[in-house]
Protein backbone atom coordinates (compact mmCIF):
# COMPACT_ATOMS: atom_id res chain seq x y z
CA MET A 1 -1.21 21.41 15.20
CA ASN A 2 -3.50 18.86 14.97
CA THR A 3 -2.75 15.30 15.57
CA PRO A 4 -0.98 13.42 13.46
CA ILE A 5 -1.29 10.86 10.78
CA LYS A 6 1.05 8.09 10.12
CA ILE A 7 0.32 6.00 7.22
CA ALA A 8 2.67 2.60 5.73
CA THR A 9 3.31 -0.09 4.25
CA TRP A 10 5.20 -3.35 3.77
CA ASN A 11 5.10 -6.24 1.68
CA VAL A 12 5.68 -9.14 4.05
CA GLU A 13 6.26 -11.83 2.11
CA ARG A 14 3.76 -14.65 1.82
CA PRO A 15 4.17 -16.00 5.60
CA THR A 16 2.34 -19.10 5.97
CA ARG A 17 0.03 -19.11 8.73
CA PHE A 18 2.60 -21.90 11.32
CA SER A 19 5.71 -20.28 10.11
CA HIS A 20 8.17 -18.54 13.08
CA ARG A 21 7.79 -15.09 10.77
CA VAL A 22 4.74 -14.39 11.91
CA VAL A 23 4.81 -13.78 14.97
CA THR A 24 8.73 -11.47 13.88
CA ILE A 25 6.41 -9.34 11.48
CA ASN A 26 3.36 -9.19 14.09
CA ASP A 27 5.82 -7.79 16.27
CA GLU A 28 6.91 -5.03 14.01
CA LEU A 29 3.52 -3.62 12.63
CA LYS A 30 2.78 -3.23 16.78
CA LYS A 31 6.47 -1.23 16.61
CA HIS A 32 6.10 1.00 13.83
CA SER A 33 1.63 1.41 15.63
CA ALA A 34 0.92 3.19 11.31
CA ASP A 35 -2.65 4.63 12.03
CA ILE A 36 -3.43 3.35 8.34
CA LEU A 37 -1.79 0.35 7.39
CA ILE A 38 -0.99 -0.84 3.69
CA LEU A 39 -0.12 -4.69 3.75
CA THR A 40 0.97 -6.91 0.66
CA GLU A 41 2.08 -10.92 -0.10
CA THR A 42 -0.29 -11.22 3.27
CA HIS A 43 -2.02 -13.78 5.36
CA ASP A 44 -5.10 -12.94 7.23
CA CYS A 45 -3.14 -14.26 10.89
CA ILE A 46 -0.56 -10.84 10.35
CA SER A 47 -2.42 -8.18 12.29
CA PRO A 48 -1.01 -5.11 14.21
CA GLY A 49 -2.58 -5.64 17.00
CA GLU A 50 -6.04 -4.90 19.06
CA GLY A 51 -8.44 -1.69 17.90
CA TYR A 52 -7.83 -1.54 14.07
CA SER A 53 -10.62 -2.26 10.49
CA VAL A 54 -9.46 -4.35 8.37
CA CYS A 55 -10.85 -4.81 3.95
CA SER A 56 -8.92 -6.93 2.69
CA SER A 57 -9.10 -7.83 -1.40
CA GLN A 58 -10.89 -10.80 -2.15
CA PRO A 59 -9.78 -14.14 -1.12
CA LEU A 60 -7.56 -16.20 -2.81
CA ALA A 61 -8.41 -19.76 -4.16
CA HIS A 62 -5.67 -22.71 -3.73
CA GLU A 63 -4.36 -21.85 -7.43
CA GLN A 64 -4.38 -18.83 -8.83
CA ASP A 65 -2.84 -16.75 -11.86
CA GLY A 66 -0.24 -19.27 -12.52
CA SER A 67 0.82 -19.64 -8.56
CA ILE A 68 -0.39 -21.69 -5.58
CA TYR A 69 -1.95 -20.21 -1.69
CA GLU A 70 -2.58 -21.23 0.79
CA GLN A 71 -5.77 -20.63 3.04
CA GLY A 72 -5.59 -16.94 4.84
CA GLU A 73 -3.27 -15.53 2.17
CA LEU A 74 -4.01 -12.15 0.48
CA ARG A 75 -2.49 -9.50 -1.91
CA VAL A 76 -3.51 -6.73 0.23
CA SER A 77 -5.22 -5.79 3.24
CA ILE A 78 -5.76 -1.92 4.45
CA CYS A 79 -6.32 -2.03 8.81
CA SER A 80 -6.93 1.15 9.65
CA VAL A 81 -7.38 2.75 13.68
CA PHE A 82 -9.59 5.28 11.76
CA PRO A 83 -13.96 4.89 10.85
CA ILE A 84 -13.75 2.49 7.25
CA VAL A 85 -17.23 4.14 6.10
CA LYS A 86 -16.96 2.31 3.08
CA GLN A 87 -15.40 -0.56 0.62
CA LEU A 88 -15.77 1.64 -2.58
CA PRO A 89 -14.79 -0.35 -6.85
CA VAL A 90 -11.37 -1.64 -8.01
CA THR A 91 -11.22 -2.58 -10.93
CA ASN A 92 -9.44 -6.05 -10.06
CA PRO A 93 -10.07 -7.42 -7.04
CA TYR A 94 -7.36 -9.49 -6.19
CA THR A 95 -4.94 -7.13 -6.67
CA ALA A 96 -6.48 -3.90 -5.03
CA VAL A 97 -8.47 -2.17 -2.24
CA CYS A 98 -10.32 0.86 -1.62
CA THR A 99 -11.92 2.17 1.28
CA LEU A 100 -13.51 5.48 2.38
CA ILE A 101 -11.30 6.44 6.07
CA ASP A 102 -12.70 8.33 7.65
CA THR A 103 -9.33 10.35 9.02
CA PRO A 104 -9.04 13.94 11.49
CA TYR A 105 -7.89 15.52 8.29
CA GLY A 106 -11.22 14.21 6.52
CA SER A 107 -12.20 11.44 4.37
CA LEU A 108 -9.94 9.58 2.62
CA ALA A 109 -10.00 7.10 0.05
CA VAL A 110 -7.01 4.64 0.54
CA TYR A 111 -6.40 2.39 -2.06
CA GLY A 112 -3.94 -1.16 -1.48
CA CYS A 113 -2.65 -2.84 -4.51
CA ILE A 114 0.04 -4.58 -5.36
CA ILE A 115 0.94 -4.04 -9.16
CA GLY A 116 2.63 -7.26 -10.86
CA ILE A 117 2.05 -10.07 -8.73
CA HIS A 118 5.09 -12.30 -10.53
CA GLY A 119 7.04 -8.38 -10.59
CA ARG A 120 7.20 -6.73 -13.12
CA GLY A 121 6.94 -10.35 -15.58
CA LYS A 122 3.09 -11.17 -16.13
CA GLY A 123 0.72 -9.23 -15.16
CA PHE A 124 2.16 -6.15 -14.67
CA ASP A 125 1.29 -4.46 -17.64
CA SER A 126 -2.18 -4.70 -17.02
CA ASP A 127 -2.43 -3.82 -13.28
CA LEU A 128 -0.85 -0.82 -14.24
CA LYS A 129 -3.22 0.50 -16.39
CA GLN A 130 -6.54 -1.35 -14.84
CA GLN A 131 -5.35 1.16 -10.89
CA VAL A 132 -4.12 4.67 -13.40
CA GLU A 133 -7.74 4.46 -14.50
CA ASP A 134 -9.38 3.32 -11.34
CA LEU A 135 -7.03 6.40 -10.14
CA SER A 136 -8.83 9.16 -12.53
CA LEU A 137 -12.13 8.07 -10.94
CA LEU A 138 -11.33 8.36 -8.03
CA THR A 139 -9.64 11.37 -7.57
CA LYS A 140 -12.57 13.54 -9.18
CA GLN A 141 -14.51 12.29 -6.09
CA HIS A 142 -12.32 11.84 -2.99
CA GLN A 143 -8.89 12.86 -2.36
CA VAL A 144 -6.52 9.51 -2.41
CA CYS A 145 -4.36 7.93 -1.34
CA TYR A 146 -1.91 5.60 -3.08
CA ALA A 147 0.17 2.84 -1.81
CA GLY A 148 1.40 -0.56 -1.37
CA ASP A 149 4.41 -2.68 -3.52
CA LEU A 150 4.51 -1.19 -7.05
CA ASN A 151 7.28 -3.04 -8.12
CA LEU A 152 9.16 0.53 -9.73
CA SER A 153 11.84 3.00 -7.41
CA PHE A 154 11.08 6.19 -8.88
CA CYS A 155 14.66 7.97 -7.84
CA ASP A 156 17.68 4.95 -8.91
CA THR A 157 17.31 2.22 -11.28
CA TYR A 158 17.08 -0.69 -8.46
CA TYR A 159 14.27 -1.98 -9.79
CA THR A 160 12.19 0.09 -12.64
CA LYS A 161 10.71 0.09 -15.43
CA LYS A 162 11.22 3.58 -16.92
CA GLU A 163 8.04 3.38 -19.30
CA ALA A 164 6.56 2.94 -16.31
CA LYS A 165 7.45 4.84 -14.41
CA LEU A 166 6.84 7.72 -16.66
CA LEU A 167 3.48 6.83 -16.97
CA LEU A 168 2.93 6.95 -13.64
CA GLU A 169 4.79 10.23 -12.79
CA GLU A 170 2.48 11.30 -14.84
CA SER A 171 -0.68 10.10 -13.86
CA PHE A 172 0.26 11.33 -10.43
CA SER A 173 0.61 15.25 -11.78
CA LYS A 174 -2.73 15.25 -13.90
CA PHE A 175 -4.11 13.77 -11.17
CA GLY A 176 -3.04 16.31 -8.46
CA LEU A 177 -1.56 13.35 -6.02
CA LYS A 178 2.97 13.10 -4.77
CA ASN A 179 4.41 10.93 -4.15
CA LEU A 180 5.72 11.24 -0.44
CA THR A 181 8.55 7.96 -0.95
CA ALA A 182 9.82 8.09 -3.89
CA ASP A 183 13.39 9.80 -2.72
CA ILE A 184 13.43 7.18 -0.58
CA PRO A 185 16.50 4.98 -2.73
CA ALA A 186 16.35 1.13 -2.84
CA THR A 187 12.17 1.34 -2.49
CA ILE A 188 9.70 -0.64 -4.47
CA ASP A 189 6.12 0.43 -1.98
CA HIS A 190 5.74 3.65 -2.25
CA ILE A 191 2.41 6.15 -0.54
CA VAL A 192 1.01 8.75 -2.72
CA ILE A 193 -1.55 11.41 -2.06
CA SER A 194 -3.84 13.56 -2.94
CA LYS A 195 -1.42 17.06 -2.66
CA SER A 196 -4.99 19.11 -1.42
CA PHE A 197 -4.54 15.93 2.06
CA ILE A 198 -1.07 17.32 2.99
CA SER A 199 -1.49 21.25 1.64
CA ASP A 200 0.05 22.48 5.28
CA ALA A 201 0.94 19.45 6.57
CA SER A 202 5.44 18.44 7.13
CA ILE A 203 5.86 15.23 6.28
CA GLN A 204 8.36 13.30 8.40
CA GLN A 205 9.66 9.58 6.14
CA SER A 206 10.58 6.26 8.15
CA CYS A 207 11.64 3.22 7.35
CA TRP A 208 12.13 -0.83 8.75
CA ASN A 209 13.15 -3.41 7.78
CA GLU A 210 16.76 -1.82 5.47
CA ASP A 211 18.23 -5.56 6.36
CA LYS A 212 15.68 -7.49 4.58
CA LYS A 213 15.53 -10.18 7.15
CA LEU A 214 12.28 -10.45 7.83
CA SER A 215 10.69 -9.47 4.62
CA ASP A 216 12.57 -9.00 0.88
CA HIS A 217 11.02 -5.57 1.18
CA LYS A 218 11.15 -2.56 3.55
CA GLY A 219 8.91 -0.60 5.50
CA VAL A 220 7.91 2.78 4.56
CA ALA A 221 5.73 4.89 6.23
CA VAL A 222 4.87 9.09 6.13
CA THR A 223 3.99 11.26 9.42
CA ILE A 224 1.48 13.83 8.66
CA GLN A 225 1.40 17.26 10.31
CA ARG A 226 -0.66 19.69 10.58
C-alpha cells in the first residue's frame, strides 16, 4: 500500500496576533499532522509547524466587506508538506485560493474557501455561485480537492440551507466529486475530492475541537490510503 495522505480543514475563528488561543491552536494543528491543511478565518501567526509551504487568499484591508480586520488576518490559507507547483486563478481571491499540489497520488488542485463571511447572510449566494463556476472549470483540467468552511451541514439541519445544499450536491455529482465529510453531524466544514483521486482507496475520518473551546468550529480530517 502507498503512504497515506491526510487532508484537514478547520475554521480557527479569527485569532488575533496576541491572543492566548494562538499557541493552543498551533499546538493542536501540530498534533494532527495533516499533509494538506486548509485553514479558514485564520491569521499569518497560525501555523501547523515547520516543513509546510503556504499559499493564502488575498490580504485584507483594515475595513473590508463590512468588517474590521487586524493586519495579518486571512480568510483562507492552504498549508502543504507536498510541493506546491503553482497557484491557480479563482474568481474571488479574498474568499478562495487554489494551488496545484504534487502529491504521492498525483497532482491535486486544492481549492480552499469560505462560502459567506457573514454565515449564510450577505455574500453567501454570490460566493456559492462563483465557487461552483470555478469548480466547473477546474474539474475539466484537474483532480480537485474543494475544502473549507462551506457554511452548510449536509446530513442534518444543524446549519443548512436547502437550496444551497442541493446546488452543491448536484454540482459535486456533475463534476465527479465526493463529499468525504457529508455524514459527520453538526459540521459545516468539509472536504470534497474528485472520485478519480480516491478510487480504490480507504477513507478514514477524524474530528477535533468537538467541544468548540478553541474555536466555534470542529476541525475535520480525512486520511486517504491506497
